[in-house]
Amino acid sequence: MHIKCNPDQYHSFSEVHTYNTRQKNNLMTPAHRVNSARNGPNYFAIKLFNKIPHGIRDLPPKSFKILLTLEFSFYPDLSGLINFIYCLYSHVPIVIIMF
């Protein structure tokens, strides 16, 4: 919600160059000197926001929050959410088997 309510603090790729690319509406992750900055909440929030479909991203903040809550309420347990978060950082999906 912080990204949606404070869009002036974030920059998209379309503000940097004029090329018509597929990622032009994605937010840029901030440059950092050390790798530990990738574990921060701001970096993770931008990565997660970029994975949300454009139809949901373009909604007003109140509708965005309601629809996002409904969209991700299908995880019956924590393993589905962990699988989703892991897929954000890797291009290979994993399968979590619960016993």
Protein backbone atom coordinates (compact mmCIF):
# COMPACT_ATOMS: atom_id res chain seq x y z
CA MET A 1 0.00 0.00 0.00
CA HIS A 2 2.94 2.33 0.58
CA ILE A 3 3.88 2.21 -3.09
CA LYS A 4 0.30 2.85 -4.18
CA CYS A 5 -0.18 5.79 -1.79
CA ASN A 6 3.23 7.39 -2.47
CA PRO A 7 3.89 7.00 -6.21
CA ASP A 8 6.11 10.11 -6.34
CA GLN A 9 8.81 8.29 -4.33
CA TYR A 10 9.26 5.61 -7.00
CA HIS A 11 10.41 5.75 -10.62
CA SER A 12 9.31 3.58 -13.51
CA PHE A 13 11.41 2.58 -16.49
CA SER A 14 9.35 4.87 -18.74
CA GLU A 15 10.74 7.88 -16.86
CA VAL A 16 14.31 6.82 -17.63
CA HIS A 17 14.11 6.09 -21.36
CA THR A 18 11.64 6.48 -24.19
CA TYR A 19 11.97 2.98 -25.64
CA ASN A 20 8.71 1.07 -25.91
CA THR A 21 9.56 -2.01 -23.83
CA ARG A 22 7.39 -4.57 -22.05
CA GLN A 23 8.69 -3.48 -18.65
CA LYS A 24 8.21 0.25 -19.17
CA ASN A 25 5.51 0.44 -16.47
CA ASN A 26 7.48 -1.55 -13.90
CA LEU A 27 9.08 0.28 -11.00
CA MET A 28 12.86 0.46 -10.81
CA THR A 29 14.55 -1.14 -7.84
CA PRO A 30 16.95 1.27 -6.15
CA ALA A 31 20.67 0.90 -6.75
CA HIS A 32 22.53 -0.37 -3.73
CA ARG A 33 26.16 -0.77 -2.76
CA VAL A 34 25.89 -4.00 -0.76
CA ASN A 35 23.81 -7.12 -1.40
CA SER A 36 22.20 -7.00 2.04
CA ALA A 37 20.02 -4.12 0.80
CA ARG A 38 18.09 -6.68 -1.26
CA ASN A 39 16.68 -8.09 1.96
CA GLY A 40 15.05 -4.80 2.91
CA PRO A 41 11.30 -4.20 2.80
CA ASN A 42 11.49 -1.48 0.15
CA TYR A 43 13.33 -3.66 -2.36
CA PHE A 44 10.99 -6.60 -1.77
CA ALA A 45 7.89 -4.37 -2.01
CA ILE A 46 8.94 -3.09 -5.43
CA LYS A 47 9.62 -6.63 -6.70
CA LEU A 48 6.24 -7.79 -5.42
CA PHE A 49 4.43 -4.75 -6.87
CA ASN A 50 5.95 -5.41 -10.30
CA LYS A 51 4.49 -8.95 -10.26
CA ILE A 52 0.91 -7.68 -9.80
CA PRO A 53 -1.08 -7.58 -13.08
CA HIS A 54 -1.42 -4.12 -14.65
CA GLY A 55 -5.21 -4.20 -14.40
CA ILE A 56 -4.99 -4.38 -10.60
CA ARG A 57 -2.03 -1.98 -10.35
CA ASP A 58 -3.87 0.83 -12.13
CA LEU A 59 -6.83 0.88 -9.71
CA PRO A 60 -7.34 3.62 -7.10
CA PRO A 61 -5.77 2.81 -3.68
CA LYS A 62 -9.00 1.70 -1.98
CA SER A 63 -10.06 -0.61 -4.82
CA PHE A 64 -6.47 -1.82 -5.14
CA LYS A 65 -6.39 -2.93 -1.51
CA ILE A 66 -9.76 -4.71 -1.70
CA LEU A 67 -9.01 -6.51 -4.96
CA LEU A 68 -5.49 -7.47 -3.90
CA THR A 69 -6.86 -8.96 -0.69
CA LEU A 70 -9.42 -10.97 -2.66
CA GLU A 71 -6.87 -11.99 -5.30
CA PHE A 72 -4.38 -13.48 -2.84
CA SER A 73 -6.89 -14.99 -0.43
CA PHE A 74 -6.80 -18.32 -2.29
CA TYR A 75 -3.75 -19.59 -0.37
CA PRO A 76 -5.22 -22.25 1.95
CA ASP A 77 -2.00 -22.56 3.93
CA LEU A 78 1.37 -20.93 4.29
CA SER A 79 3.07 -23.25 1.79
CA GLY A 80 1.26 -21.66 -1.16
CA LEU A 81 2.34 -18.19 -0.10
CA ILE A 82 5.93 -19.34 0.44
CA ASN A 83 5.92 -20.88 -3.04
CA PHE A 84 4.67 -17.61 -4.54
CA ILE A 85 7.32 -15.53 -2.75
CA TYR A 86 10.06 -17.96 -3.76
CA CYS A 87 9.00 -17.71 -7.40
CA LEU A 88 9.52 -13.94 -7.25
CA TYR A 89 13.23 -14.46 -6.75
CA SER A 90 13.80 -17.39 -9.08
CA HIS A 91 12.60 -18.29 -12.52
CA VAL A 92 12.16 -21.95 -11.60
CA PRO A 93 8.93 -22.75 -9.73
CA ILE A 94 9.16 -25.12 -6.81
CA VAL A 95 6.67 -27.55 -5.39
CA ILE A 96 6.22 -27.77 -1.63
CA ILE A 97 4.90 -31.11 -0.48
CA MET A 98 3.00 -31.08 2.81
CA PHE A 99 2.77 -34.32 4.81
